[in-house]
C-alpha atoms as a PDB file:
ATOM      1  CA  MET A   1    -295.648 -56.553 -72.162  1.00  0.00           C
ATOM      2  CA  LYS A   2    -293.516 -55.335 -69.271  1.00  0.00           C
ATOM      3  CA  ASN A   3    -296.111 -56.565 -66.714  1.00  0.00           C
ATOM      4  CA  VAL A   4    -296.162 -60.028 -68.323  1.00  0.00           C
ATOM      5  CA  GLN A   5    -292.358 -60.270 -68.089  1.00  0.00           C
ATOM      6  CA  TYR A   6    -292.503 -59.173 -64.444  1.00  0.00           C
ATOM      7  CA  ALA A   7    -295.173 -61.801 -63.661  1.00  0.00           C
ATOM      8  CA  GLY A   8    -293.047 -64.424 -65.392  1.00  0.00           C
ATOM      9  CA  LYS A   9    -290.054 -63.486 -63.215  1.00  0.00           C
ATOM     10  CA  LEU A  10    -292.211 -63.765 -60.072  1.00  0.00           C
ATOM     11  CA  ILE A  11    -293.432 -67.207 -61.082  1.00  0.00           C
ATOM     12  CA  LYS A  12    -289.860 -68.255 -61.897  1.00  0.00           C
ATOM     13  CA  MET A  13    -288.693 -67.031 -58.468  1.00  0.00           C
ATOM     14  CA  ASP A  14    -291.535 -68.844 -56.729  1.00  0.00           C
ATOM     15  CA  VAL A  15    -290.654 -72.126 -58.465  1.00  0.00           C
ATOM     16  CA  ARG A  16    -286.981 -71.714 -57.475  1.00  0.00           C
ATOM     17  CA  ASP A  17    -288.023 -70.855 -53.928  1.00  0.00           C
ATOM     18  CA  ILE A  18    -290.324 -73.886 -53.771  1.00  0.00           C
ATOM     19  CA  LEU A  19    -287.609 -76.197 -55.149  1.00  0.00           C
ATOM     20  CA  PHE A  20    -285.118 -74.772 -52.625  1.00  0.00           C
ATOM     21  CA  LYS A  21    -287.545 -75.359 -49.757  1.00  0.00           C
ATOM     22  CA  ILE A  22    -288.280 -78.903 -50.950  1.00  0.00           C
ATOM     23  CA  THR A  23    -284.537 -79.609 -51.145  1.00  0.00           C
ATOM     24  CA  LEU A  24    -284.037 -78.327 -47.591  1.00  0.00           C
ATOM     25  CA  MET A  25    -286.971 -80.407 -46.373  1.00  0.00           C
ATOM     26  CA  ILE A  26    -285.585 -83.559 -48.010  1.00  0.00           C
ATOM     27  CA  LYS A  27    -282.139 -82.939 -46.485  1.00  0.00           C
ATOM     28  CA  LYS A  28    -283.708 -82.380 -43.066  1.00  0.00           C
ATOM     29  CA  ASN A  29    -285.793 -85.575 -43.384  1.00  0.00           C
ATOM     30  CA  ILE A  30    -282.739 -87.587 -44.459  1.00  0.00           C
ATOM     31  CA  LYS A  31    -280.769 -86.201 -41.506  1.00  0.00           C
ATOM     32  CA  ASN A  32    -283.618 -87.003 -39.085  1.00  0.00           C
ATOM     33  CA  PHE A  33    -284.014 -90.488 -40.559  1.00  0.00           C
ATOM     34  CA  PHE A  34    -280.275 -91.087 -40.155  1.00  0.00           C
ATOM     35  CA  ILE A  35    -280.223 -89.866 -36.533  1.00  0.00           C
ATOM     36  CA  ASN A  36    -283.313 -91.911 -35.671  1.00  0.00           C
ATOM     37  CA  SER A  37    -281.843 -95.003 -37.323  1.00  0.00           C
ATOM     38  CA  VAL A  38    -278.548 -94.605 -35.462  1.00  0.00           C
ATOM     39  CA  ILE A  39    -280.343 -94.346 -32.102  1.00  0.00           C
ATOM     40  CA  ILE A  40    -282.413 -97.461 -32.820  1.00  0.00           C
ATOM     41  CA  PHE A  41    -279.381 -99.348 -34.176  1.00  0.00           C
ATOM     42  CA  ILE A  42    -277.192 -98.524 -31.147  1.00  0.00           C
ATOM     43  CA  ILE A  43    -279.873 -99.664 -28.708  1.00  0.00           C
ATOM     44  CA  PHE A  44    -280.482-102.851 -30.701  1.00  0.00           C
ATOM     45  CA  ILE A  45    -276.746-103.632 -30.958  1.00  0.00           C
ATOM     46  CA  VAL A  46    -276.027-102.982 -27.261  1.00  0.00           C
ATOM     47  CA  ASP A  47    -278.914-105.313 -26.398  1.00  0.00           C
ATOM     48  CA  ARG A  48    -277.768-107.979 -28.893  1.00  0.00           C
ATOM     49  CA  PHE A  49    -274.142-107.917 -27.690  1.00  0.00           C
ATOM     50  CA  SER A  50    -275.188-108.229 -24.048  1.00  0.00           C
ATOM     51  CA  LYS A  51    -277.431-111.197 -24.826  1.00  0.00           C
ATOM     52  CA  ILE A  52    -274.857-112.867 -27.070  1.00  0.00           C
ATOM     53  CA  TYR A  53    -272.242-112.493 -24.317  1.00  0.00           C
ATOM     54  CA  ILE A  54    -274.509-114.135 -21.738  1.00  0.00           C
ATOM     55  CA  LEU A  55    -275.613-116.882 -24.144  1.00  0.00           C
ATOM     56  CA  LYS A  56    -271.987-117.703 -25.075  1.00  0.00           C
ATOM     57  CA  LYS A  57    -271.097-117.807 -21.382  1.00  0.00           C
ATOM     58  CA  ALA A  58    -274.040-120.158 -20.774  1.00  0.00           C
ATOM     59  CA  GLU A  59    -272.944-122.338 -23.679  1.00  0.00           C
ATOM     60  CA  LEU A  60    -269.419-122.653 -22.280  1.00  0.00           C
ATOM     61  CA  GLU A  61    -270.360-123.132 -18.614  1.00  0.00           C
ATOM     62  CA  ASN A  62    -273.816-124.778 -18.994  1.00  0.00           C
ATOM     63  CA  VAL A  63    -275.251-122.214 -16.581  1.00  0.00           C
ATOM     64  CA  VAL A  64    -275.026-118.480 -16.041  1.00  0.00           C
ATOM     65  CA  ASP A  65    -275.085-117.433 -12.409  1.00  0.00           C
ATOM     66  CA  ILE A  66    -272.526-114.672 -12.021  1.00  0.00           C
ATOM     67  CA  TYR A  67    -272.202-112.805  -8.751  1.00  0.00           C
ATOM     68  CA  LEU A  68    -271.359-109.150  -9.452  1.00  0.00           C
ATOM     69  CA  ASN A  69    -272.031-107.461  -6.114  1.00  0.00           C
ATOM     70  CA  PRO A  70    -274.466-107.782  -3.173  1.00  0.00           C
ATOM     71  CA  PHE A  71    -277.258-106.224  -5.262  1.00  0.00           C
ATOM     72  CA  LEU A  72    -276.685-107.532  -8.766  1.00  0.00           C
ATOM     73  CA  ASN A  73    -276.176-110.926 -10.398  1.00  0.00           C
ATOM     74  CA  PHE A  74    -276.292-112.214 -13.938  1.00  0.00           C
ATOM     75  CA  TYR A  75    -278.629-115.200 -13.955  1.00  0.00           C
ATOM     76  CA  LEU A  76    -279.937-116.463 -17.311  1.00  0.00           C
ATOM     77  CA  ILE A  77    -283.597-117.326 -17.688  1.00  0.00           C
ATOM     78  CA  TRP A  78    -285.734-117.690 -20.814  1.00  0.00           C
ATOM     79  CA  ASN A  79    -288.792-115.454 -20.757  1.00  0.00           C
ATOM     80  CA  LYS A  80    -291.752-116.601 -22.864  1.00  0.00           C
ATOM     81  CA  GLY A  81    -294.129-114.002 -21.437  1.00  0.00           C
ATOM     82  CA  ILE A  82    -294.166-110.236 -21.778  1.00  0.00           C
ATOM     83  CA  ALA A  83    -292.318-107.607 -19.738  1.00  0.00           C
ATOM     84  CA  PHE A  84    -290.472-109.043 -16.744  1.00  0.00           C
ATOM     85  CA  GLY A  85    -291.806-112.557 -17.401  1.00  0.00           C
ATOM     86  CA  LEU A  86    -295.464-111.704 -16.864  1.00  0.00           C
ATOM     87  CA  PHE A  87    -298.001-113.946 -18.631  1.00  0.00           C
ATOM     88  CA  SER A  88    -295.497-116.745 -19.327  1.00  0.00           C
ATOM     89  CA  PHE A  89    -297.171-119.741 -20.942  1.00  0.00           C
ATOM     90  CA  ASN A  90    -295.918-123.030 -22.291  1.00  0.00           C
ATOM     91  CA  GLU A  91    -298.661-123.250 -24.894  1.00  0.00           C
ATOM     92  CA  ARG A  92    -297.379-122.344 -28.388  1.00  0.00           C
ATOM     93  CA  PHE A  93    -300.612-120.729 -29.613  1.00  0.00           C
ATOM     94  CA  ILE A  94    -300.747-118.251 -26.726  1.00  0.00           C
ATOM     95  CA  TYR A  95    -297.052-117.467 -27.206  1.00  0.00           C
ATOM     96  CA  ASN A  96    -297.640-116.744 -30.898  1.00  0.00           C
ATOM     97  CA  VAL A  97    -300.632-114.509 -30.117  1.00  0.00           C
ATOM     98  CA  ILE A  98    -298.579-112.549 -27.584  1.00  0.00           C
ATOM     99  CA  THR A  99    -295.721-112.222 -30.105  1.00  0.00           C
ATOM    100  CA  PHE A 100    -298.159-110.998 -32.764  1.00  0.00           C
ATOM    101  CA  ILE A 101    -299.609-108.399 -30.372  1.00  0.00           C
ATOM    102  CA  ILE A 102    -296.085-107.219 -29.463  1.00  0.00           C
ATOM    103  CA  ALA A 103    -295.250-106.895 -33.181  1.00  0.00           C
ATOM    104  CA  ILE A 104    -298.393-104.793 -33.748  1.00  0.00           C
ATOM    105  CA  ILE A 105    -297.537-102.571 -30.770  1.00  0.00           C
ATOM    106  CA  THR A 106    -293.996-102.156 -32.132  1.00  0.00           C
ATOM    107  CA  ILE A 107    -295.431-101.008 -35.482  1.00  0.00           C
ATOM    108  CA  ILE A 108    -297.761 -98.582 -33.686  1.00  0.00           C
ATOM    109  CA  ILE A 109    -294.750 -97.138 -31.842  1.00  0.00           C
ATOM    110  CA  LEU A 110    -293.011 -96.665 -35.209  1.00  0.00           C
ATOM    111  CA  VAL A 111    -296.042 -94.732 -36.494  1.00  0.00           C
ATOM    112  CA  MET A 112    -296.067 -92.641 -33.313  1.00  0.00           C
ATOM    113  CA  ILE A 113    -292.383 -91.809 -33.870  1.00  0.00           C
ATOM    114  CA  SER A 114    -293.190 -90.410 -37.307  1.00  0.00           C
ATOM    115  CA  LYS A 115    -295.961 -88.219 -35.873  1.00  0.00           C
ATOM    116  CA  ASN A 116    -294.017 -86.754 -32.931  1.00  0.00           C
ATOM    117  CA  GLU A 117    -290.971 -84.592 -32.453  1.00  0.00           C
ATOM    118  CA  GLY A 118    -288.569 -83.499 -29.768  1.00  0.00           C
ATOM    119  CA  PHE A 119    -288.312 -85.246 -26.418  1.00  0.00           C
ATOM    120  CA  LYS A 120    -291.400 -87.384 -27.015  1.00  0.00           C
ATOM    121  CA  LYS A 121    -290.012 -88.655 -30.321  1.00  0.00           C
ATOM    122  CA  TYR A 122    -286.681 -89.622 -28.749  1.00  0.00           C
ATOM    123  CA  SER A 123    -288.475 -91.352 -25.872  1.00  0.00           C
ATOM    124  CA  LEU A 124    -290.437 -93.391 -28.427  1.00  0.00           C
ATOM    125  CA  LEU A 125    -287.207 -94.175 -30.320  1.00  0.00           C
ATOM    126  CA  VAL A 126    -285.701 -95.613 -27.134  1.00  0.00           C
ATOM    127  CA  ILE A 127    -288.813 -97.746 -26.559  1.00  0.00           C
ATOM    128  CA  PHE A 128    -288.776 -98.865 -30.200  1.00  0.00           C
ATOM    129  CA  GLY A 129    -285.091 -99.876 -30.060  1.00  0.00           C
ATOM    130  CA  GLY A 130    -285.682-101.986 -26.962  1.00  0.00           C
ATOM    131  CA  SER A 131    -288.848-103.445 -28.386  1.00  0.00           C
ATOM    132  CA  LEU A 132    -287.037-104.495 -31.562  1.00  0.00           C
ATOM    133  CA  GLY A 133    -284.373-106.246 -29.483  1.00  0.00           C
ATOM    134  CA  ASN A 134    -286.922-108.300 -27.567  1.00  0.00           C
ATOM    135  CA  LEU A 135    -289.069-108.932 -30.652  1.00  0.00           C
ATOM    136  CA  PHE A 136    -286.009-110.265 -32.473  1.00  0.00           C
ATOM    137  CA  ASP A 137    -285.388-112.720 -29.611  1.00  0.00           C
ATOM    138  CA  ARG A 138    -289.030-113.835 -29.525  1.00  0.00           C
ATOM    139  CA  ILE A 139    -288.879-114.651 -33.222  1.00  0.00           C
ATOM    140  CA  TYR A 140    -285.320-116.080 -33.336  1.00  0.00           C
ATOM    141  CA  TYR A 141    -285.206-118.004 -30.019  1.00  0.00           C
ATOM    142  CA  SER A 142    -288.949-118.327 -29.283  1.00  0.00           C
ATOM    143  CA  ALA A 143    -288.167-116.676 -25.948  1.00  0.00           C
ATOM    144  CA  VAL A 144    -286.313-113.654 -24.609  1.00  0.00           C
ATOM    145  CA  PRO A 145    -283.090-114.217 -22.658  1.00  0.00           C
ATOM    146  CA  ASP A 146    -283.287-112.234 -19.429  1.00  0.00           C
ATOM    147  CA  PHE A 147    -280.244-112.159 -17.180  1.00  0.00           C
ATOM    148  CA  ILE A 148    -280.015-109.037 -14.987  1.00  0.00           C
ATOM    149  CA  ASP A 149    -281.024-110.042 -11.460  1.00  0.00           C
ATOM    150  CA  PHE A 150    -281.328-106.982  -9.224  1.00  0.00           C
ATOM    151  CA  HIS A 151    -282.004-107.801  -5.566  1.00  0.00           C
ATOM    152  CA  ILE A 152    -281.829-106.537  -2.019  1.00  0.00           C
ATOM    153  CA  LYS A 153    -280.967-109.439   0.267  1.00  0.00           C
ATOM    154  CA  ASN A 154    -283.586-112.108  -0.542  1.00  0.00           C
ATOM    155  CA  PHE A 155    -286.002-109.758  -2.301  1.00  0.00           C
ATOM    156  CA  HIS A 156    -285.398-110.207  -6.028  1.00  0.00           C
ATOM    157  CA  TRP A 157    -286.886-107.941  -8.672  1.00  0.00           C
ATOM    158  CA  PHE A 158    -287.968-109.568 -11.947  1.00  0.00           C
ATOM    159  CA  VAL A 159    -285.012-110.714 -14.036  1.00  0.00           C
ATOM    160  CA  PHE A 160    -284.674-108.442 -17.071  1.00  0.00           C
ATOM    161  CA  ASN A 161    -282.339-107.500 -19.938  1.00  0.00           C
ATOM    162  CA  ILE A 162    -280.844-104.394 -21.576  1.00  0.00           C
ATOM    163  CA  ALA A 163    -283.818-103.988 -23.960  1.00  0.00           C
ATOM    164  CA  ASP A 164    -286.155-103.911 -20.952  1.00  0.00           C
ATOM    165  CA  ILE A 165    -284.030-101.117 -19.451  1.00  0.00           C
ATOM    166  CA  PHE A 166    -284.399 -99.014 -22.609  1.00  0.00           C
ATOM    167  CA  ILE A 167    -288.143 -99.695 -22.835  1.00  0.00           C
ATOM    168  CA  THR A 168    -288.595 -98.730 -19.179  1.00  0.00           C
ATOM    169  CA  LEU A 169    -286.496 -95.557 -19.537  1.00  0.00           C
ATOM    170  CA  GLY A 170    -288.499 -94.558 -22.621  1.00  0.00           C
ATOM    171  CA  VAL A 171    -291.801 -95.081 -20.827  1.00  0.00           C
ATOM    172  CA  ILE A 172    -290.584 -93.096 -17.787  1.00  0.00           C
ATOM    173  CA  CYS A 173    -289.533 -90.267 -20.119  1.00  0.00           C
ATOM    174  CA  LEU A 174    -292.976 -90.307 -21.775  1.00  0.00           C
ATOM    175  CA  ILE A 175    -294.650 -90.129 -18.372  1.00  0.00           C
ATOM    176  CA  PHE A 176    -292.484 -87.151 -17.353  1.00  0.00           C
ATOM    177  CA  ASP A 177    -293.162 -85.519 -20.705  1.00  0.00           C
ATOM    178  CA  GLU A 178    -296.909 -85.846 -20.160  1.00  0.00           C
ATOM    179  CA  MET A 179    -296.740 -84.683 -16.557  1.00  0.00           C
ATOM    180  CA  PHE A 180    -294.414 -81.709 -16.889  1.00  0.00           C
ATOM    181  CA  THR A 181    -294.321 -80.419 -20.446  1.00  0.00           C
ATOM    182  CA  ASN A 182    -297.891 -80.791 -21.628  1.00  0.00           C
ATOM    183  CA  ASN A 183    -299.986 -78.109 -19.995  1.00  0.00           C
ATOM    184  CA  LYS A 184    -303.330 -79.752 -20.646  1.00  0.00           C
ATOM    185  CA  LYS A 185    -306.270 -79.066 -18.395  1.00  0.00           C
ATOM    186  CA  ILE A 186    -308.149 -82.062 -17.133  1.00  0.00           C
END
């Protein structure tokens, strides 16, 4: 009888231990979800505010062409293509196909976030936040407002926006992560 009582105590301790571990795991997942959501939200909001500012300025002045310094201007354009205005088309069907593909890629990035951790996860979060900002514009405005015009004398880089900066930084971080932290043999 004593052995049965002892076994019962062990089982009872294991159940308590399991419940404790599950509780810790849930708390950790809630904390991670909150941190991830805050990162995405901040990136999305910074992008939205910058675009709203430029669009309001364009509404008031009918054009946005703001000289900031010899290398940087704010010049509003509407991008119907993908990154940096590539593949811009006037045809609605092609635009919708591109938007659909971007939405699918954004969902894939979200899945990748859930399957990664550490630096790689945060790099993907930055890409996802920027992607959401541009996807929102594609759906709401049927184009993405780009306005940052970086140039050296008469050589102008593609006009871009804050979301593009975050996407680019995230991709650069992923490249560095692959090059320097993953010791894979080719």
